[in-house]
Amino acid sequence: MKHRKLLNKIRMRRKKRVRAVIYGTAECPRLSVFRSNRFTYAQLIDDENQKTLAAAFSGELEKKTKKSNGAEHVGKTIAEKAKTLGIKKAVFDRGAYKYHGRVKILVEAARASGLKI
């Protein structure tokens, strides 16, 4: 139990450190990523008005696929939603996660779909 609490404390400290330098506006929102054990989520957030502009998650896929394929789908979907809102660029908030695996795949898919990060 102590080990779990310590890891959570370290994770929250890392998240605060990352968020201290990242701020999203309506023209350049923050692309926030969350990973659960099963799904991957992404949101475009305007921190000035405290609003979520667009969101996507890998549970929208009809068939069950690999987690990395779900992350790629989320990246493409969030980039398409950003285009419809007229958003061309965003700042990336990786949260407490390393830029690795599903997080990296999501961002690369968003970049490939035309979102400048």
PDB file of N, CA and C in Angstrom:
ATOM      1  N   MET A   1       0.815  -1.190   0.000  1.00  0.00           N
ATOM      2  CA  MET A   1       0.000   0.000   0.000  1.00  0.00           C
ATOM      3  C   MET A   1       0.865   1.262   0.000  1.00  0.00           C
ATOM      4  N   LYS A   2       1.936   1.268   0.786  1.00  0.00           N
ATOM      5  CA  LYS A   2       2.822   2.424   0.832  1.00  0.00           C
ATOM      6  C   LYS A   2       3.446   2.679  -0.531  1.00  0.00           C
ATOM      7  N   HIS A   3       3.811   1.588  -1.186  1.00  0.00           N
ATOM      8  CA  HIS A   3       4.447   1.703  -2.502  1.00  0.00           C
ATOM      9  C   HIS A   3       3.513   2.389  -3.506  1.00  0.00           C
ATOM     10  N   ARG A   4       2.225   2.024  -3.486  1.00  0.00           N
ATOM     11  CA  ARG A   4       1.234   2.599  -4.396  1.00  0.00           C
ATOM     12  C   ARG A   4       1.053   4.090  -4.131  1.00  0.00           C
ATOM     13  N   LYS A   5       1.001   4.478  -2.868  1.00  0.00           N
ATOM     14  CA  LYS A   5       0.855   5.883  -2.504  1.00  0.00           C
ATOM     15  C   LYS A   5       2.065   6.695  -2.936  1.00  0.00           C
ATOM     16  N   LEU A   6       3.243   6.115  -2.766  1.00  0.00           N
ATOM     17  CA  LEU A   6       4.470   6.804  -3.169  1.00  0.00           C
ATOM     18  C   LEU A   6       4.494   7.028  -4.682  1.00  0.00           C
ATOM     19  N   LEU A   7       4.120   6.008  -5.452  1.00  0.00           N
ATOM     20  CA  LEU A   7       4.107   6.148  -6.912  1.00  0.00           C
ATOM     21  C   LEU A   7       3.096   7.200  -7.355  1.00  0.00           C
ATOM     22  N   ASN A   8       1.940   7.233  -6.712  1.00  0.00           N
ATOM     23  CA  ASN A   8       0.924   8.221  -7.057  1.00  0.00           C
ATOM     24  C   ASN A   8       1.401   9.634  -6.725  1.00  0.00           C
ATOM     25  N   LYS A   9       2.102   9.767  -5.626  1.00  0.00           N
ATOM     26  CA  LYS A   9       2.642  11.066  -5.220  1.00  0.00           C
ATOM     27  C   LYS A   9       3.674  11.557  -6.237  1.00  0.00           C
ATOM     28  N   ILE A  10       4.542  10.665  -6.687  1.00  0.00           N
ATOM     29  CA  ILE A  10       5.559  11.005  -7.687  1.00  0.00           C
ATOM     30  C   ILE A  10       4.882  11.397  -9.000  1.00  0.00           C
ATOM     31  N   ARG A  11       3.845  10.644  -9.381  1.00  0.00           N
ATOM     32  CA  ARG A  11       3.121  10.922 -10.625  1.00  0.00           C
ATOM     33  C   ARG A  11       2.462  12.302 -10.582  1.00  0.00           C
ATOM     34  N   MET A  12       1.843  12.648  -9.465  1.00  0.00           N
ATOM     35  CA  MET A  12       1.188  13.956  -9.327  1.00  0.00           C
ATOM     36  C   MET A  12       2.211  15.094  -9.351  1.00  0.00           C
ATOM     37  N   ARG A  13       3.382  14.870  -8.755  1.00  0.00           N
ATOM     38  CA  ARG A  13       4.437  15.876  -8.762  1.00  0.00           C
ATOM     39  C   ARG A  13       4.912  16.125 -10.205  1.00  0.00           C
ATOM     40  N   ARG A  14       5.073  15.034 -10.965  1.00  0.00           N
ATOM     41  CA  ARG A  14       5.501  15.151 -12.357  1.00  0.00           C
ATOM     42  C   ARG A  14       4.445  15.882 -13.183  1.00  0.00           C
ATOM     43  N   LYS A  15       3.171  15.598 -12.928  1.00  0.00           N
ATOM     44  CA  LYS A  15       2.079  16.246 -13.648  1.00  0.00           C
ATOM     45  C   LYS A  15       2.063  17.751 -13.382  1.00  0.00           C
ATOM     46  N   LYS A  16       2.244  18.141 -12.123  1.00  0.00           N
ATOM     47  CA  LYS A  16       2.287  19.563 -11.783  1.00  0.00           C
ATOM     48  C   LYS A  16       3.453  20.267 -12.455  1.00  0.00           C
ATOM     49  N   ARG A  17       4.592  19.603 -12.503  1.00  0.00           N
ATOM     50  CA  ARG A  17       5.784  20.181 -13.120  1.00  0.00           C
ATOM     51  C   ARG A  17       5.565  20.428 -14.611  1.00  0.00           C
ATOM     52  N   VAL A  18       4.934  19.478 -15.280  1.00  0.00           N
ATOM     53  CA  VAL A  18       4.659  19.626 -16.714  1.00  0.00           C
ATOM     54  C   VAL A  18       3.639  20.732 -16.952  1.00  0.00           C
ATOM     55  N   ARG A  19       2.582  20.767 -16.150  1.00  0.00           N
ATOM     56  CA  ARG A  19       1.505  21.741 -16.326  1.00  0.00           C
ATOM     57  C   ARG A  19       1.905  23.167 -15.971  1.00  0.00           C
ATOM     58  N   ALA A  20       2.983  23.335 -15.205  1.00  0.00           N
ATOM     59  CA  ALA A  20       3.399  24.670 -14.776  1.00  0.00           C
ATOM     60  C   ALA A  20       3.815  25.549 -15.950  1.00  0.00           C
ATOM     61  N   VAL A  21       4.271  24.947 -17.034  1.00  0.00           N
ATOM     62  CA  VAL A  21       4.765  25.723 -18.169  1.00  0.00           C
ATOM     63  C   VAL A  21       3.846  25.674 -19.382  1.00  0.00           C
ATOM     64  N   ILE A  22       2.724  24.952 -19.288  1.00  0.00           N
ATOM     65  CA  ILE A  22       1.828  24.784 -20.431  1.00  0.00           C
ATOM     66  C   ILE A  22       0.519  25.510 -20.156  1.00  0.00           C
ATOM     67  N   TYR A  23       0.072  26.314 -21.145  1.00  0.00           N
ATOM     68  CA  TYR A  23      -1.168  27.072 -20.997  1.00  0.00           C
ATOM     69  C   TYR A  23      -1.837  27.153 -22.358  1.00  0.00           C
ATOM     70  N   GLY A  24      -3.104  26.807 -22.441  1.00  0.00           N
ATOM     71  CA  GLY A  24      -3.822  26.809 -23.702  1.00  0.00           C
ATOM     72  C   GLY A  24      -4.733  28.013 -23.834  1.00  0.00           C
ATOM     73  N   THR A  25      -4.844  28.535 -25.055  1.00  0.00           N
ATOM     74  CA  THR A  25      -5.756  29.637 -25.357  1.00  0.00           C
ATOM     75  C   THR A  25      -6.762  29.156 -26.392  1.00  0.00           C
ATOM     76  N   ALA A  26      -7.688  30.019 -26.780  1.00  0.00           N
ATOM     77  CA  ALA A  26      -8.691  29.634 -27.774  1.00  0.00           C
ATOM     78  C   ALA A  26      -8.035  29.397 -29.139  1.00  0.00           C
ATOM     79  N   GLU A  27      -7.000  30.174 -29.473  1.00  0.00           N
ATOM     80  CA  GLU A  27      -6.322  30.019 -30.770  1.00  0.00           C
ATOM     81  C   GLU A  27      -5.346  28.843 -30.752  1.00  0.00           C
ATOM     82  N   CYS A  28      -4.724  28.612 -29.609  1.00  0.00           N
ATOM     83  CA  CYS A  28      -3.741  27.537 -29.460  1.00  0.00           C
ATOM     84  C   CYS A  28      -4.053  26.764 -28.175  1.00  0.00           C
ATOM     85  N   PRO A  29      -5.031  25.854 -28.229  1.00  0.00           N
ATOM     86  CA  PRO A  29      -5.447  25.150 -27.012  1.00  0.00           C
ATOM     87  C   PRO A  29      -4.428  24.100 -26.556  1.00  0.00           C
ATOM     88  N   ARG A  30      -4.641  23.622 -25.360  1.00  0.00           N
ATOM     89  CA  ARG A  30      -3.790  22.581 -24.784  1.00  0.00           C
ATOM     90  C   ARG A  30      -4.362  21.222 -25.175  1.00  0.00           C
ATOM     91  N   LEU A  31      -3.524  20.376 -25.764  1.00  0.00           N
ATOM     92  CA  LEU A  31      -3.923  19.009 -26.107  1.00  0.00           C
ATOM     93  C   LEU A  31      -3.531  18.113 -24.947  1.00  0.00           C
ATOM     94  N   SER A  32      -4.510  17.750 -24.121  1.00  0.00           N
ATOM     95  CA  SER A  32      -4.274  16.956 -22.930  1.00  0.00           C
ATOM     96  C   SER A  32      -4.559  15.487 -23.221  1.00  0.00           C
ATOM     97  N   VAL A  33      -3.686  14.611 -22.733  1.00  0.00           N
ATOM     98  CA  VAL A  33      -3.801  13.178 -22.986  1.00  0.00           C
ATOM     99  C   VAL A  33      -3.978  12.439 -21.661  1.00  0.00           C
ATOM    100  N   PHE A  34      -4.879  11.457 -21.659  1.00  0.00           N
ATOM    101  CA  PHE A  34      -5.058  10.580 -20.507  1.00  0.00           C
ATOM    102  C   PHE A  34      -5.079   9.144 -20.993  1.00  0.00           C
ATOM    103  N   ARG A  35      -4.342   8.286 -20.289  1.00  0.00           N
ATOM    104  CA  ARG A  35      -4.317   6.866 -20.608  1.00  0.00           C
ATOM    105  C   ARG A  35      -4.928   6.098 -19.452  1.00  0.00           C
ATOM    106  N   SER A  36      -5.874   5.250 -19.766  1.00  0.00           N
ATOM    107  CA  SER A  36      -6.336   4.300 -18.754  1.00  0.00           C
ATOM    108  C   SER A  36      -5.790   2.944 -19.175  1.00  0.00           C
ATOM    109  N   ASN A  37      -6.091   1.922 -18.420  1.00  0.00           N
ATOM    110  CA  ASN A  37      -5.601   0.598 -18.800  1.00  0.00           C
ATOM    111  C   ASN A  37      -6.227   0.112 -20.101  1.00  0.00           C
ATOM    112  N   ARG A  38      -7.402   0.617 -20.415  1.00  0.00           N
ATOM    113  CA  ARG A  38      -8.146   0.116 -21.565  1.00  0.00           C
ATOM    114  C   ARG A  38      -8.243   1.101 -22.719  1.00  0.00           C
ATOM    115  N   PHE A  39      -8.406   2.386 -22.416  1.00  0.00           N
ATOM    116  CA  PHE A  39      -8.649   3.392 -23.443  1.00  0.00           C
ATOM    117  C   PHE A  39      -7.639   4.533 -23.381  1.00  0.00           C
ATOM    118  N   THR A  40      -7.625   5.329 -24.455  1.00  0.00           N
ATOM    119  CA  THR A  40      -6.813   6.534 -24.522  1.00  0.00           C
ATOM    120  C   THR A  40      -7.749   7.700 -24.808  1.00  0.00           C
ATOM    121  N   TYR A  41      -7.573   8.795 -24.103  1.00  0.00           N
ATOM    122  CA  TYR A  41      -8.435   9.965 -24.235  1.00  0.00           C
ATOM    123  C   TYR A  41      -7.592  11.179 -24.606  1.00  0.00           C
ATOM    124  N   ALA A  42      -8.190  12.124 -25.340  1.00  0.00           N
ATOM    125  CA  ALA A  42      -7.522  13.388 -25.651  1.00  0.00           C
ATOM    126  C   ALA A  42      -8.556  14.507 -25.635  1.00  0.00           C
ATOM    127  N   GLN A  43      -8.125  15.680 -25.186  1.00  0.00           N
ATOM    128  CA  GLN A  43      -9.001  16.845 -25.147  1.00  0.00           C
ATOM    129  C   GLN A  43      -8.235  18.067 -25.615  1.00  0.00           C
ATOM    130  N   LEU A  44      -8.930  18.962 -26.302  1.00  0.00           N
ATOM    131  CA  LEU A  44      -8.403  20.289 -26.612  1.00  0.00           C
ATOM    132  C   LEU A  44      -9.045  21.242 -25.618  1.00  0.00           C
ATOM    133  N   ILE A  45      -8.220  21.889 -24.792  1.00  0.00           N
ATOM    134  CA  ILE A  45      -8.725  22.700 -23.686  1.00  0.00           C
ATOM    135  C   ILE A  45      -8.271  24.146 -23.811  1.00  0.00           C
ATOM    136  N   ASP A  46      -9.233  25.065 -23.655  1.00  0.00           N
ATOM    137  CA  ASP A  46      -8.956  26.498 -23.598  1.00  0.00           C
ATOM    138  C   ASP A  46      -8.873  26.868 -22.120  1.00  0.00           C
ATOM    139  N   ASP A  47      -7.657  27.117 -21.624  1.00  0.00           N
ATOM    140  CA  ASP A  47      -7.471  27.408 -20.196  1.00  0.00           C
ATOM    141  C   ASP A  47      -7.944  28.803 -19.808  1.00  0.00           C
ATOM    142  N   GLU A  48      -7.979  29.730 -20.752  1.00  0.00           N
ATOM    143  CA  GLU A  48      -8.443  31.087 -20.440  1.00  0.00           C
ATOM    144  C   GLU A  48      -9.909  31.089 -20.023  1.00  0.00           C
ATOM    145  N   ASN A  49     -10.741  30.379 -20.783  1.00  0.00           N
ATOM    146  CA  ASN A  49     -12.179  30.315 -20.506  1.00  0.00           C
ATOM    147  C   ASN A  49     -12.578  29.043 -19.762  1.00  0.00           C
ATOM    148  N   GLN A  50     -11.616  28.190 -19.471  1.00  0.00           N
ATOM    149  CA  GLN A  50     -11.834  26.918 -18.787  1.00  0.00           C
ATOM    150  C   GLN A  50     -12.900  26.083 -19.494  1.00  0.00           C
ATOM    151  N   LYS A  51     -12.709  25.879 -20.804  1.00  0.00           N
ATOM    152  CA  LYS A  51     -13.658  25.105 -21.610  1.00  0.00           C
ATOM    153  C   LYS A  51     -12.928  24.016 -22.392  1.00  0.00           C
ATOM    154  N   THR A  52     -13.594  22.903 -22.556  1.00  0.00           N
ATOM    155  CA  THR A  52     -13.104  21.851 -23.433  1.00  0.00           C
ATOM    156  C   THR A  52     -13.679  22.110 -24.812  1.00  0.00           C
ATOM    157  N   LEU A  53     -12.798  22.280 -25.793  1.00  0.00           N
ATOM    158  CA  LEU A  53     -13.240  22.605 -27.147  1.00  0.00           C
ATOM    159  C   LEU A  53     -13.597  21.354 -27.946  1.00  0.00           C
ATOM    160  N   ALA A  54     -12.827  20.293 -27.765  1.00  0.00           N
ATOM    161  CA  ALA A  54     -13.077  19.038 -28.479  1.00  0.00           C
ATOM    162  C   ALA A  54     -12.502  17.890 -27.659  1.00  0.00           C
ATOM    163  N   ALA A  55     -13.063  16.714 -27.847  1.00  0.00           N
ATOM    164  CA  ALA A  55     -12.584  15.534 -27.122  1.00  0.00           C
ATOM    165  C   ALA A  55     -12.741  14.296 -27.995  1.00  0.00           C
ATOM    166  N   ALA A  56     -11.894  13.307 -27.749  1.00  0.00           N
ATOM    167  CA  ALA A  56     -11.973  12.038 -28.466  1.00  0.00           C
ATOM    168  C   ALA A  56     -11.446  10.935 -27.549  1.00  0.00           C
ATOM    169  N   PHE A  57     -11.965   9.715 -27.728  1.00  0.00           N
ATOM    170  CA  PHE A  57     -11.406   8.593 -26.982  1.00  0.00           C
ATOM    171  C   PHE A  57     -11.517   7.313 -27.794  1.00  0.00           C
ATOM    172  N   SER A  58     -10.657   6.374 -27.458  1.00  0.00           N
ATOM    173  CA  SER A  58     -10.519   5.172 -28.267  1.00  0.00           C
ATOM    174  C   SER A  58     -11.702   4.222 -28.136  1.00  0.00           C
ATOM    175  N   GLY A  59     -12.609   4.446 -27.217  1.00  0.00           N
ATOM    176  CA  GLY A  59     -13.802   3.627 -27.087  1.00  0.00           C
ATOM    177  C   GLY A  59     -14.806   3.869 -28.200  1.00  0.00           C
ATOM    178  N   GLU A  60     -14.570   4.923 -29.011  1.00  0.00           N
ATOM    179  CA  GLU A  60     -15.447   5.218 -30.143  1.00  0.00           C
ATOM    180  C   GLU A  60     -15.294   4.207 -31.269  1.00  0.00           C
ATOM    181  N   LEU A  61     -14.192   3.451 -31.259  1.00  0.00           N
ATOM    182  CA  LEU A  61     -14.002   2.421 -32.282  1.00  0.00           C
ATOM    183  C   LEU A  61     -15.035   1.327 -32.089  1.00  0.00           C
ATOM    184  N   GLU A  62     -15.568   0.828 -33.189  1.00  0.00           N
ATOM    185  CA  GLU A  62     -16.626  -0.180 -33.101  1.00  0.00           C
ATOM    186  C   GLU A  62     -16.092  -1.553 -32.714  1.00  0.00           C
ATOM    187  N   LYS A  63     -14.935  -1.916 -33.243  1.00  0.00           N
ATOM    188  CA  LYS A  63     -14.388  -3.231 -32.910  1.00  0.00           C
ATOM    189  C   LYS A  63     -13.212  -3.082 -31.957  1.00  0.00           C
ATOM    190  N   LYS A  64     -12.940  -4.119 -31.239  1.00  0.00           N
ATOM    191  CA  LYS A  64     -11.846  -4.112 -30.273  1.00  0.00           C
ATOM    192  C   LYS A  64     -10.521  -4.246 -31.026  1.00  0.00           C
ATOM    193  N   THR A  65      -9.593  -3.322 -30.752  1.00  0.00           N
ATOM    194  CA  THR A  65      -8.294  -3.346 -31.418  1.00  0.00           C
ATOM    195  C   THR A  65      -7.185  -3.194 -30.379  1.00  0.00           C
ATOM    196  N   LYS A  66      -5.965  -3.148 -30.877  1.00  0.00           N
ATOM    197  CA  LYS A  66      -4.829  -2.918 -29.994  1.00  0.00           C
ATOM    198  C   LYS A  66      -4.892  -1.500 -29.433  1.00  0.00           C
ATOM    199  N   LYS A  67      -4.292  -1.303 -28.279  1.00  0.00           N
ATOM    200  CA  LYS A  67      -4.298   0.013 -27.649  1.00  0.00           C
ATOM    201  C   LYS A  67      -3.596   1.052 -28.518  1.00  0.00           C
ATOM    202  N   SER A  68      -2.528   0.651 -29.199  1.00  0.00           N
ATOM    203  CA  SER A  68      -1.799   1.587 -30.047  1.00  0.00           C
ATOM    204  C   SER A  68      -2.649   2.019 -31.240  1.00  0.00           C
ATOM    205  N   ASN A  69      -3.459   1.129 -31.786  1.00  0.00           N
ATOM    206  CA  ASN A  69      -4.363   1.499 -32.878  1.00  0.00           C
ATOM    207  C   ASN A  69      -5.437   2.459 -32.390  1.00  0.00           C
ATOM    208  N   GLY A  70      -5.897   2.249 -31.177  1.00  0.00           N
ATOM    209  CA  GLY A  70      -6.875   3.159 -30.581  1.00  0.00           C
ATOM    210  C   GLY A  70      -6.293   4.546 -30.383  1.00  0.00           C
ATOM    211  N   ALA A  71      -5.036   4.616 -29.954  1.00  0.00           N
ATOM    212  CA  ALA A  71      -4.370   5.900 -29.753  1.00  0.00           C
ATOM    213  C   ALA A  71      -4.193   6.632 -31.079  1.00  0.00           C
ATOM    214  N   GLU A  72      -3.879   5.890 -32.128  1.00  0.00           N
ATOM    215  CA  GLU A  72      -3.737   6.489 -33.455  1.00  0.00           C
ATOM    216  C   GLU A  72      -5.075   7.056 -33.932  1.00  0.00           C
ATOM    217  N   HIS A  73      -6.145   6.318 -33.695  1.00  0.00           N
ATOM    218  CA  HIS A  73      -7.491   6.778 -34.052  1.00  0.00           C
ATOM    219  C   HIS A  73      -7.837   8.067 -33.306  1.00  0.00           C
ATOM    220  N   VAL A  74      -7.499   8.129 -32.023  1.00  0.00           N
ATOM    221  CA  VAL A  74      -7.776   9.322 -31.217  1.00  0.00           C
ATOM    222  C   VAL A  74      -7.008  10.524 -31.762  1.00  0.00           C
ATOM    223  N   GLY A  75      -5.747  10.328 -32.136  1.00  0.00           N
ATOM    224  CA  GLY A  75      -4.945  11.418 -32.692  1.00  0.00           C
ATOM    225  C   GLY A  75      -5.539  11.971 -33.975  1.00  0.00           C
ATOM    226  N   LYS A  76      -5.964  11.073 -34.858  1.00  0.00           N
ATOM    227  CA  LYS A  76      -6.574  11.511 -36.120  1.00  0.00           C
ATOM    228  C   LYS A  76      -7.905  12.220 -35.865  1.00  0.00           C
ATOM    229  N   THR A  77      -8.706  11.668 -34.972  1.00  0.00           N
ATOM    230  CA  THR A  77     -10.022  12.237 -34.675  1.00  0.00           C
ATOM    231  C   THR A  77      -9.912  13.625 -34.063  1.00  0.00           C
ATOM    232  N   ILE A  78      -9.001  13.804 -33.115  1.00  0.00           N
ATOM    233  CA  ILE A  78      -8.868  15.100 -32.458  1.00  0.00           C
ATOM    234  C   ILE A  78      -8.340  16.144 -33.435  1.00  0.00           C
ATOM    235  N   ALA A  79      -7.483  15.727 -34.371  1.00  0.00           N
ATOM    236  CA  ALA A  79      -6.977  16.660 -35.387  1.00  0.00           C
ATOM    237  C   ALA A  79      -8.099  17.084 -36.337  1.00  0.00           C
ATOM    238  N   GLU A  80      -8.968  16.150 -36.709  1.00  0.00           N
ATOM    239  CA  GLU A  80     -10.101  16.479 -37.579  1.00  0.00           C
ATOM    240  C   GLU A  80     -11.076  17.427 -36.879  1.00  0.00           C
ATOM    241  N   LYS A  81     -11.337  17.173 -35.595  1.00  0.00           N
ATOM    242  CA  LYS A  81     -12.233  18.050 -34.840  1.00  0.00           C
ATOM    243  C   LYS A  81     -11.626  19.446 -34.702  1.00  0.00           C
ATOM    244  N   ALA A  82     -10.310  19.515 -34.554  1.00  0.00           N
ATOM    245  CA  ALA A  82      -9.633  20.808 -34.455  1.00  0.00           C
ATOM    246  C   ALA A  82      -9.758  21.574 -35.767  1.00  0.00           C
ATOM    247  N   LYS A  83      -9.637  20.862 -36.893  1.00  0.00           N
ATOM    248  CA  LYS A  83      -9.780  21.508 -38.206  1.00  0.00           C
ATOM    249  C   LYS A  83     -11.169  22.116 -38.369  1.00  0.00           C
ATOM    250  N   THR A  84     -12.197  21.387 -37.933  1.00  0.00           N
ATOM    251  CA  THR A  84     -13.561  21.903 -38.075  1.00  0.00           C
ATOM    252  C   THR A  84     -13.785  23.134 -37.193  1.00  0.00           C
ATOM    253  N   LEU A  85     -13.049  23.225 -36.091  1.00  0.00           N
ATOM    254  CA  LEU A  85     -13.146  24.389 -35.208  1.00  0.00           C
ATOM    255  C   LEU A  85     -12.239  25.534 -35.658  1.00  0.00           C
ATOM    256  N   GLY A  86     -11.423  25.291 -36.682  1.00  0.00           N
ATOM    257  CA  GLY A  86     -10.514  26.319 -37.183  1.00  0.00           C
ATOM    258  C   GLY A  86      -9.232  26.428 -36.374  1.00  0.00           C
ATOM    259  N   ILE A  87      -8.890  25.378 -35.659  1.00  0.00           N
ATOM    260  CA  ILE A  87      -7.667  25.362 -34.846  1.00  0.00           C
ATOM    261  C   ILE A  87      -6.562  24.708 -35.664  1.00  0.00           C
ATOM    262  N   LYS A  88      -5.463  25.426 -35.824  1.00  0.00           N
ATOM    263  CA  LYS A  88      -4.347  24.901 -36.614  1.00  0.00           C
ATOM    264  C   LYS A  88      -3.202  24.408 -35.749  1.00  0.00           C
ATOM    265  N   LYS A  89      -3.086  24.965 -34.519  1.00  0.00           N
ATOM    266  CA  LYS A  89      -1.959  24.569 -33.691  1.00  0.00           C
ATOM    267  C   LYS A  89      -2.385  24.424 -32.235  1.00  0.00           C
ATOM    268  N   ALA A  90      -1.651  23.578 -31.502  1.00  0.00           N
ATOM    269  CA  ALA A  90      -1.956  23.308 -30.101  1.00  0.00           C
ATOM    270  C   ALA A  90      -0.654  23.071 -29.340  1.00  0.00           C
ATOM    271  N   VAL A  91      -0.717  23.251 -28.025  1.00  0.00           N
ATOM    272  CA  VAL A  91       0.418  22.897 -27.177  1.00  0.00           C
ATOM    273  C   VAL A  91       0.106  21.549 -26.542  1.00  0.00           C
ATOM    274  N   PHE A  92       1.114  20.724 -26.404  1.00  0.00           N
ATOM    275  CA  PHE A  92       0.901  19.352 -25.959  1.00  0.00           C
ATOM    276  C   PHE A  92       1.137  19.218 -24.461  1.00  0.00           C
ATOM    277  N   ASP A  93       0.170  18.618 -23.770  1.00  0.00           N
ATOM    278  CA  ASP A  93       0.254  18.340 -22.345  1.00  0.00           C
ATOM    279  C   ASP A  93       0.274  16.827 -22.170  1.00  0.00           C
ATOM    280  N   ARG A  94       1.437  16.292 -21.888  1.00  0.00           N
ATOM    281  CA  ARG A  94       1.566  14.838 -21.740  1.00  0.00           C
ATOM    282  C   ARG A  94       1.164  14.362 -20.352  1.00  0.00           C
ATOM    283  N   GLY A  95       0.866  15.303 -19.465  1.00  0.00           N
ATOM    284  CA  GLY A  95       0.489  14.941 -18.107  1.00  0.00           C
ATOM    285  C   GLY A  95       1.657  14.325 -17.377  1.00  0.00           C
ATOM    286  N   ALA A  96       1.424  13.219 -16.701  1.00  0.00           N
ATOM    287  CA  ALA A  96       2.478  12.548 -15.952  1.00  0.00           C
ATOM    288  C   ALA A  96       3.097  11.409 -16.743  1.00  0.00           C
ATOM    289  N   TYR A  97       2.755  11.310 -18.034  1.00  0.00           N
ATOM    290  CA  TYR A  97       3.215  10.191 -18.850  1.00  0.00           C
ATOM    291  C   TYR A  97       4.472  10.556 -19.624  1.00  0.00           C
ATOM    292  N   LYS A  98       5.280   9.561 -19.904  1.00  0.00           N
ATOM    293  CA  LYS A  98       6.451   9.773 -20.744  1.00  0.00           C
ATOM    294  C   LYS A  98       5.993   9.920 -22.189  1.00  0.00           C
ATOM    295  N   TYR A  99       6.792  10.627 -22.989  1.00  0.00           N
ATOM    296  CA  TYR A  99       6.496  10.750 -24.413  1.00  0.00           C
ATOM    297  C   TYR A  99       6.974   9.463 -25.064  1.00  0.00           C
ATOM    298  N   HIS A 100       6.119   8.439 -24.995  1.00  0.00           N
ATOM    299  CA  HIS A 100       6.526   7.090 -25.333  1.00  0.00           C
ATOM    300  C   HIS A 100       5.265   6.268 -25.561  1.00  0.00           C
ATOM    301  N   GLY A 101       5.312   5.295 -26.422  1.00  0.00           N
ATOM    302  CA  GLY A 101       4.197   4.375 -26.602  1.00  0.00           C
ATOM    303  C   GLY A 101       2.948   5.025 -27.146  1.00  0.00           C
ATOM    304  N   ARG A 102       1.824   4.801 -26.460  1.00  0.00           N
ATOM    305  CA  ARG A 102       0.528   5.311 -26.922  1.00  0.00           C
ATOM    306  C   ARG A 102       0.489   6.823 -27.006  1.00  0.00           C
ATOM    307  N   VAL A 103       1.143   7.500 -26.073  1.00  0.00           N
ATOM    308  CA  VAL A 103       1.147   8.966 -26.068  1.00  0.00           C
ATOM    309  C   VAL A 103       1.860   9.486 -27.322  1.00  0.00           C
ATOM    310  N   LYS A 104       2.988   8.903 -27.629  1.00  0.00           N
ATOM    311  CA  LYS A 104       3.757   9.300 -28.818  1.00  0.00           C
ATOM    312  C   LYS A 104       2.977   9.008 -30.105  1.00  0.00           C
ATOM    313  N   ILE A 105       2.337   7.858 -30.173  1.00  0.00           N
ATOM    314  CA  ILE A 105       1.551   7.484 -31.354  1.00  0.00           C
ATOM    315  C   ILE A 105       0.400   8.461 -31.567  1.00  0.00           C
ATOM    316  N   LEU A 106      -0.267   8.850 -30.488  1.00  0.00           N
ATOM    317  CA  LEU A 106      -1.380   9.796 -30.575  1.00  0.00           C
ATOM    318  C   LEU A 106      -0.913  11.135 -31.155  1.00  0.00           C
ATOM    319  N   VAL A 107       0.174  11.666 -30.639  1.00  0.00           N
ATOM    320  CA  VAL A 107       0.673  12.965 -31.092  1.00  0.00           C
ATOM    321  C   VAL A 107       1.148  12.901 -32.538  1.00  0.00           C
ATOM    322  N   GLU A 108       1.843  11.846 -32.899  1.00  0.00           N
ATOM    323  CA  GLU A 108       2.317  11.715 -34.277  1.00  0.00           C
ATOM    324  C   GLU A 108       1.158  11.592 -35.260  1.00  0.00           C
ATOM    325  N   ALA A 109       0.085  10.911 -34.864  1.00  0.00           N
ATOM    326  CA  ALA A 109      -1.103  10.797 -35.724  1.00  0.00           C
ATOM    327  C   ALA A 109      -1.776  12.151 -35.871  1.00  0.00           C
ATOM    328  N   ALA A 110      -1.826  12.940 -34.801  1.00  0.00           N
ATOM    329  CA  ALA A 110      -2.414  14.277 -34.871  1.00  0.00           C
ATOM    330  C   ALA A 110      -1.588  15.175 -35.775  1.00  0.00           C
ATOM    331  N   ARG A 111      -0.263  15.076 -35.681  1.00  0.00           N
ATOM    332  CA  ARG A 111       0.613  15.875 -36.551  1.00  0.00           C
ATOM    333  C   ARG A 111       0.437  15.472 -38.012  1.00  0.00           C
ATOM    334  N   ALA A 112       0.346  14.170 -38.252  1.00  0.00           N
ATOM    335  CA  ALA A 112       0.188  13.668 -39.625  1.00  0.00           C
ATOM    336  C   ALA A 112      -1.149  14.118 -40.219  1.00  0.00           C
ATOM    337  N   SER A 113      -2.156  14.334 -39.371  1.00  0.00           N
ATOM    338  CA  SER A 113      -3.462  14.764 -39.835  1.00  0.00           C
ATOM    339  C   SER A 113      -3.564  16.278 -39.994  1.00  0.00           C
ATOM    340  N   GLY A 114      -2.491  17.002 -39.697  1.00  0.00           N
ATOM    341  CA  GLY A 114      -2.464  18.425 -39.980  1.00  0.00           C
ATOM    342  C   GLY A 114      -2.460  19.357 -38.789  1.00  0.00           C
ATOM    343  N   LEU A 115      -2.486  18.833 -37.578  1.00  0.00           N
ATOM    344  CA  LEU A 115      -2.456  19.673 -36.391  1.00  0.00           C
ATOM    345  C   LEU A 115      -0.998  19.968 -36.036  1.00  0.00           C
ATOM    346  N   LYS A 116      -0.665  21.240 -35.919  1.00  0.00           N
ATOM    347  CA  LYS A 116       0.706  21.618 -35.603  1.00  0.00           C
ATOM    348  C   LYS A 116       0.888  21.630 -34.090  1.00  0.00           C
ATOM    349  N   ILE A 117       1.807  20.777 -33.613  1.00  0.00           N
ATOM    350  CA  ILE A 117       2.054  20.664 -32.169  1.00  0.00           C
ATOM    351  C   ILE A 117       3.510  21.001 -31.910  1.00  0.00           C
TER     352      ILE A 117
END
